[in-house]
Amino acid sequence: MPTLSPNCVFCDIIRGTNPHHIVYEDAEYLGFLDRYPLNPGHTQLIPKEHYRWVWDMENADVGFLFIKVKRIAKALQKVFDTEWVIADTGGIGVPHAHIHLVPRFEDDGHGELPDPKILREIPDNEMEEIARKVKLEIDRTVA
């Protein structure tokens, strides 16, 4: 079992005590839809081992993480019919290494980089459907 922090919301998601719409999971990484999405399909990918920052991970693990990022980004491109997917490292809001993947659209209201004040309200049933489609596409996608 990976080392988890007792006071980390992402570690709670890994433990299964904070349910989210999971789109990807393997032994080392977990991908889920953001509850406060910048756009539909906004996904977060996290290591199952608790690290404060992506840059605290071993070099090889950072490489594996970004292989997963690419696979998820390719799936998001297909599901949302867009070539534009922003990927950035996180760690400010939640002190656990993570990557945000945000599908972008021509008229989505964001600038070159997503505006964190522009959040989308997406009903749970629609989030479930988005998760289903993204998961299905990830399963079909090779990085």
N, C-alpha and C. Protein backbone atom coordinates (compact mmCIF):
# COMPACT_ATOMS: atom_id res chain seq x y z
N MET A 1 0.85 -1.19 0.00
CA MET A 1 0.00 0.00 0.00
C MET A 1 0.89 1.25 0.00
N PRO A 2 0.57 2.22 -0.85
CA PRO A 2 1.39 3.44 -0.90
C PRO A 2 1.26 4.25 0.40
N THR A 3 2.23 5.12 0.62
CA THR A 3 2.18 6.01 1.77
C THR A 3 1.19 7.12 1.47
N LEU A 4 0.20 7.27 2.35
CA LEU A 4 -0.83 8.29 2.18
C LEU A 4 -0.80 9.23 3.38
N SER A 5 -1.24 10.46 3.16
CA SER A 5 -1.30 11.44 4.23
C SER A 5 -2.70 11.39 4.88
N PRO A 6 -2.77 11.50 6.20
CA PRO A 6 -4.08 11.43 6.85
C PRO A 6 -4.94 12.68 6.63
N ASN A 7 -4.33 13.79 6.24
CA ASN A 7 -5.08 15.05 6.09
C ASN A 7 -5.09 15.57 4.67
N CYS A 8 -5.09 14.68 3.70
CA CYS A 8 -5.03 15.07 2.29
C CYS A 8 -6.29 14.60 1.58
N VAL A 9 -7.01 15.53 0.95
CA VAL A 9 -8.25 15.18 0.26
C VAL A 9 -7.98 14.20 -0.89
N PHE A 10 -6.84 14.34 -1.58
CA PHE A 10 -6.54 13.40 -2.66
C PHE A 10 -6.22 12.02 -2.12
N CYS A 11 -5.57 11.95 -0.97
CA CYS A 11 -5.34 10.65 -0.34
C CYS A 11 -6.67 10.02 0.06
N ASP A 12 -7.64 10.84 0.47
CA ASP A 12 -8.98 10.33 0.77
C ASP A 12 -9.64 9.75 -0.48
N ILE A 13 -9.43 10.38 -1.62
CA ILE A 13 -9.97 9.85 -2.88
C ILE A 13 -9.33 8.50 -3.18
N ILE A 14 -8.02 8.40 -3.00
CA ILE A 14 -7.31 7.13 -3.22
C ILE A 14 -7.85 6.05 -2.28
N ARG A 15 -8.09 6.41 -1.00
CA ARG A 15 -8.62 5.45 -0.02
C ARG A 15 -10.06 5.07 -0.32
N GLY A 16 -10.76 5.86 -1.13
CA GLY A 16 -12.16 5.59 -1.45
C GLY A 16 -13.14 6.23 -0.48
N THR A 17 -12.65 7.10 0.41
CA THR A 17 -13.54 7.74 1.38
C THR A 17 -14.09 9.07 0.88
N ASN A 18 -13.65 9.52 -0.28
CA ASN A 18 -14.14 10.75 -0.90
C ASN A 18 -14.43 10.42 -2.36
N PRO A 19 -15.65 9.97 -2.65
CA PRO A 19 -15.97 9.48 -4.00
C PRO A 19 -15.88 10.58 -5.06
N HIS A 20 -15.32 10.21 -6.18
CA HIS A 20 -15.22 11.08 -7.36
C HIS A 20 -15.51 10.23 -8.59
N HIS A 21 -15.69 10.89 -9.71
CA HIS A 21 -15.90 10.18 -10.98
C HIS A 21 -14.53 9.79 -11.53
N ILE A 22 -14.19 8.51 -11.37
CA ILE A 22 -12.89 7.99 -11.77
C ILE A 22 -12.90 7.74 -13.28
N VAL A 23 -11.85 8.21 -13.96
CA VAL A 23 -11.72 7.97 -15.40
C VAL A 23 -10.53 7.08 -15.72
N TYR A 24 -9.57 6.99 -14.79
CA TYR A 24 -8.39 6.16 -15.01
C TYR A 24 -7.85 5.66 -13.68
N GLU A 25 -7.43 4.40 -13.67
CA GLU A 25 -6.78 3.88 -12.47
C GLU A 25 -5.88 2.72 -12.83
N ASP A 26 -4.69 2.75 -12.26
CA ASP A 26 -3.79 1.61 -12.31
C ASP A 26 -3.14 1.49 -10.93
N ALA A 27 -2.11 0.70 -10.80
CA ALA A 27 -1.51 0.47 -9.48
C ALA A 27 -0.87 1.72 -8.90
N GLU A 28 -0.40 2.64 -9.74
CA GLU A 28 0.33 3.81 -9.25
C GLU A 28 -0.38 5.15 -9.40
N TYR A 29 -1.39 5.23 -10.28
CA TYR A 29 -1.99 6.53 -10.60
C TYR A 29 -3.52 6.44 -10.61
N LEU A 30 -4.13 7.60 -10.34
CA LEU A 30 -5.59 7.70 -10.33
C LEU A 30 -5.99 8.99 -11.05
N GLY A 31 -6.92 8.87 -11.98
CA GLY A 31 -7.45 10.02 -12.70
C GLY A 31 -8.93 10.17 -12.42
N PHE A 32 -9.36 11.39 -12.16
CA PHE A 32 -10.77 11.63 -11.83
C PHE A 32 -11.19 13.00 -12.32
N LEU A 33 -12.50 13.16 -12.53
CA LEU A 33 -13.03 14.46 -12.94
C LEU A 33 -12.98 15.43 -11.77
N ASP A 34 -12.57 16.65 -12.06
CA ASP A 34 -12.54 17.70 -11.04
C ASP A 34 -13.98 18.06 -10.68
N ARG A 35 -14.25 18.20 -9.39
CA ARG A 35 -15.60 18.57 -8.93
C ARG A 35 -15.95 20.01 -9.26
N TYR A 36 -14.94 20.83 -9.48
CA TYR A 36 -15.14 22.25 -9.82
C TYR A 36 -14.44 22.52 -11.14
N PRO A 37 -15.00 21.96 -12.23
CA PRO A 37 -14.29 21.99 -13.50
C PRO A 37 -14.21 23.37 -14.14
N LEU A 38 -13.07 23.60 -14.78
CA LEU A 38 -12.88 24.81 -15.58
C LEU A 38 -13.60 24.67 -16.91
N ASN A 39 -13.73 23.45 -17.40
CA ASN A 39 -14.48 23.09 -18.59
C ASN A 39 -14.93 21.64 -18.43
N PRO A 40 -15.94 21.21 -19.19
CA PRO A 40 -16.32 19.81 -19.15
C PRO A 40 -15.11 18.91 -19.45
N GLY A 41 -14.96 17.84 -18.69
CA GLY A 41 -13.86 16.91 -18.89
C GLY A 41 -12.61 17.23 -18.09
N HIS A 42 -12.62 18.34 -17.36
CA HIS A 42 -11.46 18.72 -16.53
C HIS A 42 -11.12 17.54 -15.63
N THR A 43 -9.94 17.00 -15.83
CA THR A 43 -9.50 15.79 -15.14
C THR A 43 -8.26 16.09 -14.32
N GLN A 44 -8.12 15.40 -13.21
CA GLN A 44 -6.90 15.48 -12.43
C GLN A 44 -6.28 14.09 -12.38
N LEU A 45 -4.97 14.04 -12.58
CA LEU A 45 -4.23 12.79 -12.47
C LEU A 45 -3.27 12.92 -11.31
N ILE A 46 -3.32 11.93 -10.40
CA ILE A 46 -2.49 11.98 -9.20
C ILE A 46 -1.74 10.66 -9.02
N PRO A 47 -0.56 10.74 -8.41
CA PRO A 47 0.09 9.49 -8.02
C PRO A 47 -0.61 8.95 -6.77
N LYS A 48 -0.66 7.65 -6.63
CA LYS A 48 -1.26 7.06 -5.44
C LYS A 48 -0.35 7.16 -4.23
N GLU A 49 0.90 7.45 -4.46
CA GLU A 49 1.85 7.73 -3.38
C GLU A 49 1.76 9.22 -3.08
N HIS A 50 1.71 9.60 -1.82
CA HIS A 50 1.61 11.02 -1.47
C HIS A 50 2.97 11.72 -1.65
N TYR A 51 2.98 12.68 -2.56
CA TYR A 51 4.11 13.59 -2.76
C TYR A 51 3.54 15.00 -2.68
N ARG A 52 4.29 15.92 -2.14
CA ARG A 52 3.82 17.31 -2.07
C ARG A 52 3.76 17.92 -3.47
N TRP A 53 4.80 17.71 -4.24
CA TRP A 53 4.90 18.29 -5.59
C TRP A 53 5.26 17.20 -6.59
N VAL A 54 4.89 17.39 -7.83
CA VAL A 54 5.32 16.48 -8.90
C VAL A 54 6.84 16.38 -8.89
N TRP A 55 7.51 17.49 -8.61
CA TRP A 55 8.97 17.54 -8.67
C TRP A 55 9.63 16.79 -7.51
N ASP A 56 8.85 16.32 -6.55
CA ASP A 56 9.37 15.49 -5.46
C ASP A 56 9.41 14.01 -5.84
N MET A 57 8.78 13.67 -6.95
CA MET A 57 8.73 12.28 -7.39
C MET A 57 10.07 11.88 -8.01
N GLU A 58 10.33 10.58 -8.03
CA GLU A 58 11.52 10.06 -8.72
C GLU A 58 11.42 10.39 -10.21
N ASN A 59 12.56 10.57 -10.87
CA ASN A 59 12.57 10.92 -12.29
C ASN A 59 11.76 9.96 -13.14
N ALA A 60 11.97 8.67 -12.93
CA ALA A 60 11.23 7.68 -13.72
C ALA A 60 9.73 7.79 -13.48
N ASP A 61 9.31 8.07 -12.25
CA ASP A 61 7.89 8.19 -11.94
C ASP A 61 7.28 9.42 -12.60
N VAL A 62 8.04 10.51 -12.69
CA VAL A 62 7.55 11.69 -13.41
C VAL A 62 7.33 11.32 -14.88
N GLY A 63 8.25 10.55 -15.44
CA GLY A 63 8.09 10.10 -16.82
C GLY A 63 6.85 9.26 -17.00
N PHE A 64 6.64 8.29 -16.10
CA PHE A 64 5.44 7.45 -16.18
C PHE A 64 4.17 8.29 -16.01
N LEU A 65 4.21 9.26 -15.10
CA LEU A 65 3.07 10.14 -14.89
C LEU A 65 2.69 10.85 -16.19
N PHE A 66 3.70 11.38 -16.89
CA PHE A 66 3.40 12.11 -18.11
C PHE A 66 3.02 11.21 -19.28
N ILE A 67 3.41 9.95 -19.24
CA ILE A 67 2.90 8.99 -20.23
C ILE A 67 1.38 8.84 -20.02
N LYS A 68 0.95 8.78 -18.76
CA LYS A 68 -0.49 8.69 -18.45
C LYS A 68 -1.19 9.99 -18.84
N VAL A 69 -0.54 11.13 -18.58
CA VAL A 69 -1.11 12.43 -18.96
C VAL A 69 -1.39 12.46 -20.46
N LYS A 70 -0.43 12.00 -21.25
CA LYS A 70 -0.61 11.99 -22.70
C LYS A 70 -1.80 11.10 -23.10
N ARG A 71 -1.89 9.95 -22.49
CA ARG A 71 -2.98 9.02 -22.81
C ARG A 71 -4.34 9.65 -22.49
N ILE A 72 -4.44 10.29 -21.33
CA ILE A 72 -5.70 10.94 -20.95
C ILE A 72 -5.99 12.13 -21.86
N ALA A 73 -4.97 12.92 -22.17
CA ALA A 73 -5.17 14.08 -23.06
C ALA A 73 -5.68 13.64 -24.42
N LYS A 74 -5.11 12.57 -24.97
CA LYS A 74 -5.56 12.05 -26.27
C LYS A 74 -7.03 11.62 -26.20
N ALA A 75 -7.41 11.00 -25.09
CA ALA A 75 -8.81 10.59 -24.92
C ALA A 75 -9.72 11.81 -24.82
N LEU A 76 -9.30 12.83 -24.07
CA LEU A 76 -10.10 14.06 -23.95
C LEU A 76 -10.25 14.75 -25.30
N GLN A 77 -9.20 14.74 -26.11
CA GLN A 77 -9.29 15.33 -27.45
C GLN A 77 -10.40 14.66 -28.25
N LYS A 78 -10.45 13.35 -28.20
CA LYS A 78 -11.47 12.62 -28.97
C LYS A 78 -12.87 12.84 -28.42
N VAL A 79 -13.02 12.70 -27.11
CA VAL A 79 -14.35 12.81 -26.51
C VAL A 79 -14.93 14.21 -26.73
N PHE A 80 -14.10 15.24 -26.63
CA PHE A 80 -14.60 16.61 -26.73
C PHE A 80 -14.32 17.27 -28.07
N ASP A 81 -13.81 16.49 -29.03
CA ASP A 81 -13.56 16.98 -30.38
C ASP A 81 -12.78 18.30 -30.37
N THR A 82 -11.65 18.28 -29.67
CA THR A 82 -10.78 19.44 -29.59
C THR A 82 -9.33 18.98 -29.62
N GLU A 83 -8.47 19.77 -30.22
CA GLU A 83 -7.04 19.46 -30.18
C GLU A 83 -6.38 20.10 -28.96
N TRP A 84 -7.06 21.06 -28.36
CA TRP A 84 -6.50 21.92 -27.34
C TRP A 84 -6.81 21.37 -25.95
N VAL A 85 -5.81 20.80 -25.31
CA VAL A 85 -5.94 20.32 -23.92
C VAL A 85 -4.76 20.91 -23.14
N ILE A 86 -5.08 21.69 -22.13
CA ILE A 86 -4.06 22.27 -21.26
C ILE A 86 -3.71 21.24 -20.18
N ALA A 87 -2.42 21.09 -19.90
CA ALA A 87 -1.98 20.23 -18.80
C ALA A 87 -1.03 21.05 -17.94
N ASP A 88 -1.35 21.15 -16.63
CA ASP A 88 -0.43 21.86 -15.75
C ASP A 88 -0.30 21.15 -14.41
N THR A 89 0.85 21.36 -13.79
CA THR A 89 1.08 20.73 -12.50
C THR A 89 0.39 21.53 -11.43
N GLY A 90 -0.09 20.84 -10.42
CA GLY A 90 -0.76 21.49 -9.31
C GLY A 90 -0.12 21.13 -7.99
N GLY A 91 -0.61 21.77 -6.96
CA GLY A 91 -0.12 21.49 -5.62
C GLY A 91 -0.41 22.62 -4.65
N ILE A 92 -0.97 23.70 -5.14
CA ILE A 92 -1.28 24.83 -4.26
C ILE A 92 -2.58 24.55 -3.49
N GLY A 93 -3.67 24.32 -4.21
CA GLY A 93 -4.96 24.12 -3.56
C GLY A 93 -5.02 22.85 -2.73
N VAL A 94 -4.44 21.80 -3.25
CA VAL A 94 -4.36 20.52 -2.54
C VAL A 94 -2.88 20.14 -2.51
N PRO A 95 -2.30 19.98 -1.33
CA PRO A 95 -0.87 19.70 -1.22
C PRO A 95 -0.53 18.23 -1.53
N HIS A 96 -0.86 17.82 -2.73
CA HIS A 96 -0.57 16.46 -3.23
C HIS A 96 -0.24 16.65 -4.70
N ALA A 97 0.85 16.07 -5.17
CA ALA A 97 1.23 16.20 -6.57
C ALA A 97 0.06 15.85 -7.48
N HIS A 98 -0.21 16.70 -8.47
CA HIS A 98 -1.25 16.40 -9.43
C HIS A 98 -1.08 17.19 -10.72
N ILE A 99 -1.71 16.68 -11.75
CA ILE A 99 -1.73 17.32 -13.06
C ILE A 99 -3.19 17.59 -13.41
N HIS A 100 -3.48 18.85 -13.77
CA HIS A 100 -4.79 19.21 -14.29
C HIS A 100 -4.75 19.03 -15.81
N LEU A 101 -5.77 18.41 -16.37
CA LEU A 101 -5.95 18.32 -17.82
C LEU A 101 -7.29 18.97 -18.13
N VAL A 102 -7.25 20.04 -18.90
CA VAL A 102 -8.46 20.81 -19.17
C VAL A 102 -8.68 20.92 -20.68
N PRO A 103 -9.74 20.28 -21.19
CA PRO A 103 -10.08 20.47 -22.61
C PRO A 103 -10.44 21.95 -22.83
N ARG A 104 -9.97 22.50 -23.94
CA ARG A 104 -10.22 23.91 -24.25
C ARG A 104 -11.01 24.01 -25.54
N PHE A 105 -11.79 25.10 -25.63
CA PHE A 105 -12.66 25.34 -26.77
C PHE A 105 -12.53 26.81 -27.17
N GLU A 106 -12.74 27.09 -28.41
CA GLU A 106 -12.56 28.44 -28.96
C GLU A 106 -13.27 29.51 -28.15
N ASP A 107 -14.51 29.29 -27.78
CA ASP A 107 -15.30 30.30 -27.08
C ASP A 107 -15.60 29.91 -25.64
N ASP A 108 -14.61 29.35 -24.92
CA ASP A 108 -14.88 28.88 -23.56
C ASP A 108 -14.75 29.96 -22.50
N GLY A 109 -14.38 31.20 -22.90
CA GLY A 109 -14.31 32.31 -21.96
C GLY A 109 -12.99 32.44 -21.23
N HIS A 110 -12.12 31.47 -21.37
CA HIS A 110 -10.79 31.53 -20.76
C HIS A 110 -9.85 32.25 -21.72
N GLY A 111 -8.76 32.76 -21.20
CA GLY A 111 -7.71 33.31 -22.04
C GLY A 111 -6.81 32.20 -22.52
N GLU A 112 -5.54 32.55 -22.77
CA GLU A 112 -4.60 31.52 -23.21
C GLU A 112 -4.48 30.42 -22.17
N LEU A 113 -4.46 30.84 -20.91
CA LEU A 113 -4.49 29.88 -19.80
C LEU A 113 -5.86 29.94 -19.15
N PRO A 114 -6.33 28.82 -18.60
CA PRO A 114 -7.65 28.82 -17.97
C PRO A 114 -7.71 29.81 -16.80
N ASP A 115 -8.83 30.49 -16.69
CA ASP A 115 -9.09 31.43 -15.60
C ASP A 115 -9.73 30.64 -14.45
N PRO A 116 -9.06 30.55 -13.30
CA PRO A 116 -9.59 29.73 -12.20
C PRO A 116 -10.90 30.26 -11.62
N LYS A 117 -11.31 31.47 -12.01
CA LYS A 117 -12.58 32.02 -11.54
C LYS A 117 -13.75 31.56 -12.40
N ILE A 118 -13.45 31.01 -13.57
CA ILE A 118 -14.51 30.54 -14.47
C ILE A 118 -14.69 29.04 -14.25
N LEU A 119 -15.67 28.71 -13.45
CA LEU A 119 -15.97 27.31 -13.16
C LEU A 119 -17.30 26.92 -13.80
N ARG A 120 -17.41 25.70 -14.20
CA ARG A 120 -18.64 25.19 -14.85
C ARG A 120 -19.45 24.40 -13.84
N GLU A 121 -20.73 24.63 -13.84
CA GLU A 121 -21.63 23.81 -13.02
C GLU A 121 -22.19 22.72 -13.92
N ILE A 122 -21.81 21.49 -13.62
CA ILE A 122 -22.22 20.35 -14.43
C ILE A 122 -22.98 19.39 -13.53
N PRO A 123 -24.24 19.09 -13.87
CA PRO A 123 -25.03 18.17 -13.04
C PRO A 123 -24.35 16.81 -12.92
N ASP A 124 -24.58 16.15 -11.80
CA ASP A 124 -23.93 14.87 -11.51
C ASP A 124 -24.18 13.83 -12.59
N ASN A 125 -25.40 13.78 -13.12
CA ASN A 125 -25.68 12.77 -14.15
C ASN A 125 -24.87 13.05 -15.42
N GLU A 126 -24.62 14.32 -15.72
CA GLU A 126 -23.79 14.66 -16.87
C GLU A 126 -22.32 14.33 -16.58
N MET A 127 -21.88 14.57 -15.34
CA MET A 127 -20.51 14.20 -14.94
C MET A 127 -20.32 12.68 -15.08
N GLU A 128 -21.32 11.92 -14.69
CA GLU A 128 -21.24 10.46 -14.83
C GLU A 128 -21.08 10.06 -16.28
N GLU A 129 -21.84 10.71 -17.16
CA GLU A 129 -21.76 10.39 -18.59
C GLU A 129 -20.41 10.80 -19.17
N ILE A 130 -19.90 11.97 -18.77
CA ILE A 130 -18.57 12.40 -19.22
C ILE A 130 -17.53 11.39 -18.76
N ALA A 131 -17.59 10.98 -17.50
CA ALA A 131 -16.63 10.02 -16.96
C ALA A 131 -16.69 8.70 -17.74
N ARG A 132 -17.88 8.26 -18.04
CA ARG A 132 -18.05 7.00 -18.78
C ARG A 132 -17.38 7.10 -20.15
N LYS A 133 -17.63 8.19 -20.86
CA LYS A 133 -17.07 8.37 -22.20
C LYS A 133 -15.55 8.50 -22.16
N VAL A 134 -15.05 9.28 -21.21
CA VAL A 134 -13.60 9.48 -21.11
C VAL A 134 -12.92 8.16 -20.75
N LYS A 135 -13.47 7.45 -19.79
CA LYS A 135 -12.89 6.17 -19.38
C LYS A 135 -12.87 5.19 -20.55
N LEU A 136 -13.95 5.12 -21.27
CA LEU A 136 -14.02 4.23 -22.44
C LEU A 136 -12.95 4.60 -23.47
N GLU A 137 -12.79 5.87 -23.72
CA GLU A 137 -11.80 6.33 -24.70
C GLU A 137 -10.38 6.10 -24.19
N ILE A 138 -10.14 6.32 -22.91
CA ILE A 138 -8.80 6.04 -22.34
C ILE A 138 -8.46 4.57 -22.53
N ASP A 139 -9.44 3.70 -22.30
CA ASP A 139 -9.20 2.27 -22.44
C ASP A 139 -8.84 1.90 -23.89
N ARG A 140 -9.31 2.70 -24.85
CA ARG A 140 -9.02 2.45 -26.26
C ARG A 140 -7.73 3.13 -26.73
N THR A 141 -7.27 4.11 -25.99
CA THR A 141 -6.16 4.96 -26.41
C THR A 141 -4.82 4.41 -25.95
N VAL A 142 -3.89 4.36 -26.85
CA VAL A 142 -2.52 4.01 -26.51
C VAL A 142 -1.72 5.30 -26.57
N ALA A 143 -0.90 5.56 -25.54
CA ALA A 143 -0.17 6.83 -25.46
C ALA A 143 0.75 7.05 -26.62
